[in-house]
Amino acid sequence: MTYYTCFDKQGEIIARCQTKEDIEVLKKMGRPIVEVKEMKNEESVVCSLTGSPTDYNEDY
């Protein structure tokens, strides 16, 4: 499974998402997503161990 990290214009992480649809929802909600990067396998393991990536997104 592919996970994504979303960044604002200062390069700060503002969300971690499981699908591109999740990213679009956040954009529609007004989150200032400027850049999206696919997480490396070793980074995405943390998401799968701690629950859904949406656990990081307080706006959902």
PDB file of N, CA and C in Angstrom:
ATOM      1  N   MET A   1       0.838  -1.176   0.000  1.00  0.00           N
ATOM      2  CA  MET A   1       0.000   0.000   0.000  1.00  0.00           C
ATOM      3  C   MET A   1       0.886   1.244   0.000  1.00  0.00           C
ATOM      4  N   THR A   2       0.448   2.249  -0.701  1.00  0.00           N
ATOM      5  CA  THR A   2       1.210   3.487  -0.820  1.00  0.00           C
ATOM      6  C   THR A   2       0.630   4.541   0.110  1.00  0.00           C
ATOM      7  N   TYR A   3       1.495   5.235   0.832  1.00  0.00           N
ATOM      8  CA  TYR A   3       1.094   6.340   1.693  1.00  0.00           C
ATOM      9  C   TYR A   3       1.780   7.604   1.206  1.00  0.00           C
ATOM     10  N   TYR A   4       1.159   8.743   1.494  1.00  0.00           N
ATOM     11  CA  TYR A   4       1.678  10.025   1.029  1.00  0.00           C
ATOM     12  C   TYR A   4       1.851  10.992   2.190  1.00  0.00           C
ATOM     13  N   THR A   5       2.858  11.830   2.095  1.00  0.00           N
ATOM     14  CA  THR A   5       3.071  12.906   3.059  1.00  0.00           C
ATOM     15  C   THR A   5       2.804  14.216   2.336  1.00  0.00           C
ATOM     16  N   CYS A   6       2.001  15.083   2.963  1.00  0.00           N
ATOM     17  CA  CYS A   6       1.638  16.371   2.372  1.00  0.00           C
ATOM     18  C   CYS A   6       2.358  17.490   3.122  1.00  0.00           C
ATOM     19  N   PHE A   7       2.894  18.434   2.361  1.00  0.00           N
ATOM     20  CA  PHE A   7       3.673  19.531   2.929  1.00  0.00           C
ATOM     21  C   PHE A   7       3.046  20.875   2.584  1.00  0.00           C
ATOM     22  N   ASP A   8       3.249  21.866   3.464  1.00  0.00           N
ATOM     23  CA  ASP A   8       2.830  23.231   3.169  1.00  0.00           C
ATOM     24  C   ASP A   8       3.972  23.975   2.484  1.00  0.00           C
ATOM     25  N   LYS A   9       3.780  25.275   2.219  1.00  0.00           N
ATOM     26  CA  LYS A   9       4.805  26.011   1.464  1.00  0.00           C
ATOM     27  C   LYS A   9       6.082  26.239   2.247  1.00  0.00           C
ATOM     28  N   GLN A  10       6.065  26.046   3.574  1.00  0.00           N
ATOM     29  CA  GLN A  10       7.289  26.144   4.369  1.00  0.00           C
ATOM     30  C   GLN A  10       8.019  24.802   4.467  1.00  0.00           C
ATOM     31  N   GLY A  11       7.436  23.763   3.852  1.00  0.00           N
ATOM     32  CA  GLY A  11       8.052  22.445   3.888  1.00  0.00           C
ATOM     33  C   GLY A  11       7.709  21.642   5.123  1.00  0.00           C
ATOM     34  N   GLU A  12       6.737  22.109   5.904  1.00  0.00           N
ATOM     35  CA  GLU A  12       6.306  21.397   7.104  1.00  0.00           C
ATOM     36  C   GLU A  12       5.276  20.328   6.740  1.00  0.00           C
ATOM     37  N   ILE A  13       5.331  19.184   7.414  1.00  0.00           N
ATOM     38  CA  ILE A  13       4.339  18.132   7.198  1.00  0.00           C
ATOM     39  C   ILE A  13       3.017  18.591   7.785  1.00  0.00           C
ATOM     40  N   ILE A  14       1.965  18.531   6.953  1.00  0.00           N
ATOM     41  CA  ILE A  14       0.655  18.913   7.471  1.00  0.00           C
ATOM     42  C   ILE A  14      -0.332  17.756   7.452  1.00  0.00           C
ATOM     43  N   ALA A  15       0.008  16.668   6.761  1.00  0.00           N
ATOM     44  CA  ALA A  15      -0.884  15.505   6.735  1.00  0.00           C
ATOM     45  C   ALA A  15      -0.152  14.298   6.183  1.00  0.00           C
ATOM     46  N   ARG A  16      -0.663  13.130   6.552  1.00  0.00           N
ATOM     47  CA  ARG A  16      -0.229  11.871   5.953  1.00  0.00           C
ATOM     48  C   ARG A  16      -1.494  11.198   5.458  1.00  0.00           C
ATOM     49  N   CYS A  17      -1.497  10.788   4.212  1.00  0.00           N
ATOM     50  CA  CYS A  17      -2.700  10.249   3.598  1.00  0.00           C
ATOM     51  C   CYS A  17      -2.442   8.882   2.987  1.00  0.00           C
ATOM     52  N   GLN A  18      -3.512   8.089   2.925  1.00  0.00           N
ATOM     53  CA  GLN A  18      -3.399   6.752   2.365  1.00  0.00           C
ATOM     54  C   GLN A  18      -3.724   6.751   0.875  1.00  0.00           C
ATOM     55  N   THR A  19      -4.579   7.656   0.420  1.00  0.00           N
ATOM     56  CA  THR A  19      -4.951   7.677  -0.988  1.00  0.00           C
ATOM     57  C   THR A  19      -4.866   9.098  -1.538  1.00  0.00           C
ATOM     58  N   LYS A  20      -4.817   9.194  -2.859  1.00  0.00           N
ATOM     59  CA  LYS A  20      -4.823  10.511  -3.489  1.00  0.00           C
ATOM     60  C   LYS A  20      -6.178  11.183  -3.291  1.00  0.00           C
ATOM     61  N   GLU A  21      -7.227  10.386  -3.120  1.00  0.00           N
ATOM     62  CA  GLU A  21      -8.551  10.941  -2.846  1.00  0.00           C
ATOM     63  C   GLU A  21      -8.560  11.660  -1.498  1.00  0.00           C
ATOM     64  N   ASP A  22      -7.860  11.097  -0.503  1.00  0.00           N
ATOM     65  CA  ASP A  22      -7.743  11.751   0.810  1.00  0.00           C
ATOM     66  C   ASP A  22      -7.084  13.122   0.665  1.00  0.00           C
ATOM     67  N   ILE A  23      -6.073  13.190  -0.191  1.00  0.00           N
ATOM     68  CA  ILE A  23      -5.362  14.450  -0.417  1.00  0.00           C
ATOM     69  C   ILE A  23      -6.310  15.473  -1.024  1.00  0.00           C
ATOM     70  N   GLU A  24      -7.121  15.042  -1.989  1.00  0.00           N
ATOM     71  CA  GLU A  24      -8.070  15.952  -2.630  1.00  0.00           C
ATOM     72  C   GLU A  24      -9.111  16.457  -1.638  1.00  0.00           C
ATOM     73  N   VAL A  25      -9.551  15.595  -0.736  1.00  0.00           N
ATOM     74  CA  VAL A  25     -10.512  16.011   0.295  1.00  0.00           C
ATOM     75  C   VAL A  25      -9.904  17.099   1.172  1.00  0.00           C
ATOM     76  N   LEU A  26      -8.662  16.907   1.580  1.00  0.00           N
ATOM     77  CA  LEU A  26      -7.999  17.899   2.412  1.00  0.00           C
ATOM     78  C   LEU A  26      -7.835  19.225   1.673  1.00  0.00           C
ATOM     79  N   LYS A  27      -7.510  19.160   0.385  1.00  0.00           N
ATOM     80  CA  LYS A  27      -7.381  20.387  -0.410  1.00  0.00           C
ATOM     81  C   LYS A  27      -8.713  21.119  -0.472  1.00  0.00           C
ATOM     82  N   LYS A  28      -9.809  20.366  -0.671  1.00  0.00           N
ATOM     83  CA  LYS A  28     -11.144  20.974  -0.731  1.00  0.00           C
ATOM     84  C   LYS A  28     -11.533  21.583   0.611  1.00  0.00           C
ATOM     85  N   MET A  29     -10.983  21.019   1.703  1.00  0.00           N
ATOM     86  CA  MET A  29     -11.257  21.556   3.042  1.00  0.00           C
ATOM     87  C   MET A  29     -10.420  22.804   3.320  1.00  0.00           C
ATOM     88  N   GLY A  30      -9.528  23.141   2.388  1.00  0.00           N
ATOM     89  CA  GLY A  30      -8.729  24.351   2.543  1.00  0.00           C
ATOM     90  C   GLY A  30      -7.345  24.163   3.108  1.00  0.00           C
ATOM     91  N   ARG A  31      -6.911  22.911   3.270  1.00  0.00           N
ATOM     92  CA  ARG A  31      -5.538  22.686   3.758  1.00  0.00           C
ATOM     93  C   ARG A  31      -4.552  23.168   2.707  1.00  0.00           C
ATOM     94  N   PRO A  32      -3.512  23.906   3.103  1.00  0.00           N
ATOM     95  CA  PRO A  32      -2.570  24.499   2.138  1.00  0.00           C
ATOM     96  C   PRO A  32      -1.513  23.501   1.646  1.00  0.00           C
ATOM     97  N   ILE A  33      -1.961  22.449   0.985  1.00  0.00           N
ATOM     98  CA  ILE A  33      -1.043  21.425   0.495  1.00  0.00           C
ATOM     99  C   ILE A  33      -0.352  21.938  -0.762  1.00  0.00           C
ATOM    100  N   VAL A  34       0.970  22.058  -0.683  1.00  0.00           N
ATOM    101  CA  VAL A  34       1.759  22.556  -1.796  1.00  0.00           C
ATOM    102  C   VAL A  34       2.520  21.418  -2.474  1.00  0.00           C
ATOM    103  N   GLU A  35       2.955  20.450  -1.673  1.00  0.00           N
ATOM    104  CA  GLU A  35       3.753  19.352  -2.213  1.00  0.00           C
ATOM    105  C   GLU A  35       3.303  18.038  -1.590  1.00  0.00           C
ATOM    106  N   VAL A  36       3.296  16.975  -2.400  1.00  0.00           N
ATOM    107  CA  VAL A  36       2.936  15.638  -1.928  1.00  0.00           C
ATOM    108  C   VAL A  36       4.055  14.695  -2.330  1.00  0.00           C
ATOM    109  N   LYS A  37       4.535  13.923  -1.355  1.00  0.00           N
ATOM    110  CA  LYS A  37       5.593  12.947  -1.634  1.00  0.00           C
ATOM    111  C   LYS A  37       5.125  11.567  -1.200  1.00  0.00           C
ATOM    112  N   GLU A  38       5.461  10.578  -2.031  1.00  0.00           N
ATOM    113  CA  GLU A  38       5.168   9.200  -1.681  1.00  0.00           C
ATOM    114  C   GLU A  38       6.122   8.783  -0.568  1.00  0.00           C
ATOM    115  N   MET A  39       5.579   8.155   0.460  1.00  0.00           N
ATOM    116  CA  MET A  39       6.416   7.724   1.580  1.00  0.00           C
ATOM    117  C   MET A  39       7.223   6.493   1.171  1.00  0.00           C
ATOM    118  N   LYS A  40       8.417   6.383   1.726  1.00  0.00           N
ATOM    119  CA  LYS A  40       9.238   5.195   1.520  1.00  0.00           C
ATOM    120  C   LYS A  40       8.602   4.052   2.303  1.00  0.00           C
ATOM    121  N   ASN A  41       8.909   2.824   1.905  1.00  0.00           N
ATOM    122  CA  ASN A  41       8.341   1.663   2.587  1.00  0.00           C
ATOM    123  C   ASN A  41       8.603   1.689   4.082  1.00  0.00           C
ATOM    124  N   GLU A  42       9.829   2.058   4.472  1.00  0.00           N
ATOM    125  CA  GLU A  42      10.153   2.053   5.899  1.00  0.00           C
ATOM    126  C   GLU A  42       9.395   3.141   6.663  1.00  0.00           C
ATOM    127  N   GLU A  43       9.022   4.219   5.999  1.00  0.00           N
ATOM    128  CA  GLU A  43       8.223   5.271   6.634  1.00  0.00           C
ATOM    129  C   GLU A  43       6.768   4.839   6.748  1.00  0.00           C
ATOM    130  N   SER A  44       6.258   4.192   5.715  1.00  0.00           N
ATOM    131  CA  SER A  44       4.851   3.817   5.705  1.00  0.00           C
ATOM    132  C   SER A  44       4.539   2.698   6.688  1.00  0.00           C
ATOM    133  N   VAL A  45       5.543   1.930   7.086  1.00  0.00           N
ATOM    134  CA  VAL A  45       5.329   0.883   8.094  1.00  0.00           C
ATOM    135  C   VAL A  45       4.791   1.498   9.374  1.00  0.00           C
ATOM    136  N   VAL A  46       5.277   2.666   9.727  1.00  0.00           N
ATOM    137  CA  VAL A  46       4.815   3.343  10.939  1.00  0.00           C
ATOM    138  C   VAL A  46       3.324   3.612  10.848  1.00  0.00           C
ATOM    139  N   CYS A  47       2.840   4.049   9.691  1.00  0.00           N
ATOM    140  CA  CYS A  47       1.412   4.306   9.515  1.00  0.00           C
ATOM    141  C   CYS A  47       0.606   3.030   9.682  1.00  0.00           C
ATOM    142  N   SER A  48       1.069   1.946   9.076  1.00  0.00           N
ATOM    143  CA  SER A  48       0.306   0.712   9.159  1.00  0.00           C
ATOM    144  C   SER A  48       0.345   0.120  10.569  1.00  0.00           C
ATOM    145  N   LEU A  49       1.383   0.397  11.339  1.00  0.00           N
ATOM    146  CA  LEU A  49       1.459  -0.110  12.709  1.00  0.00           C
ATOM    147  C   LEU A  49       0.648   0.735  13.686  1.00  0.00           C
ATOM    148  N   THR A  50       0.525   2.016  13.412  1.00  0.00           N
ATOM    149  CA  THR A  50      -0.167   2.899  14.347  1.00  0.00           C
ATOM    150  C   THR A  50      -1.625   3.115  13.986  1.00  0.00           C
ATOM    151  N   GLY A  51      -2.068   2.542  12.895  1.00  0.00           N
ATOM    152  CA  GLY A  51      -3.448   2.723  12.467  1.00  0.00           C
ATOM    153  C   GLY A  51      -3.479   3.400  11.115  1.00  0.00           C
ATOM    154  N   SER A  52      -4.590   3.992  10.822  1.00  0.00           N
ATOM    155  CA  SER A  52      -4.774   4.658   9.544  1.00  0.00           C
ATOM    156  C   SER A  52      -3.971   5.948   9.474  1.00  0.00           C
ATOM    157  N   PRO A  53      -3.462   6.294   8.299  1.00  0.00           N
ATOM    158  CA  PRO A  53      -2.771   7.575   8.161  1.00  0.00           C
ATOM    159  C   PRO A  53      -3.683   8.754   8.514  1.00  0.00           C
ATOM    160  N   THR A  54      -4.998   8.551   8.387  1.00  0.00           N
ATOM    161  CA  THR A  54      -5.914   9.633   8.732  1.00  0.00           C
ATOM    162  C   THR A  54      -5.883   9.933  10.231  1.00  0.00           C
ATOM    163  N   ASP A  55      -5.285   9.038  11.019  1.00  0.00           N
ATOM    164  CA  ASP A  55      -5.113   9.326  12.451  1.00  0.00           C
ATOM    165  C   ASP A  55      -4.259  10.567  12.643  1.00  0.00           C
ATOM    166  N   TYR A  56      -3.429  10.890  11.656  1.00  0.00           N
ATOM    167  CA  TYR A  56      -2.575  12.075  11.729  1.00  0.00           C
ATOM    168  C   TYR A  56      -3.326  13.341  11.329  1.00  0.00           C
ATOM    169  N   ASN A  57      -4.476  13.187  10.692  1.00  0.00           N
ATOM    170  CA  ASN A  57      -5.223  14.311  10.155  1.00  0.00           C
ATOM    171  C   ASN A  57      -6.384  14.657  11.075  1.00  0.00           C
ATOM    172  N   GLU A  58      -6.230  15.653  11.877  1.00  0.00           N
ATOM    173  CA  GLU A  58      -7.243  16.011  12.845  1.00  0.00           C
ATOM    174  C   GLU A  58      -8.496  16.597  12.199  1.00  0.00           C
ATOM    175  N   ASP A  59      -8.411  17.006  10.932  1.00  0.00           N
ATOM    176  CA  ASP A  59      -9.556  17.609  10.258  1.00  0.00           C
ATOM    177  C   ASP A  59     -10.599  16.608   9.811  1.00  0.00           C
ATOM    178  N   TYR A  60     -10.250  15.328   9.719  1.00  0.00           N
ATOM    179  CA  TYR A  60     -11.206  14.311   9.272  1.00  0.00           C
ATOM    180  C   TYR A  60     -12.193  14.026  10.356  1.00  0.00           C
TER     181      TYR A  60
END
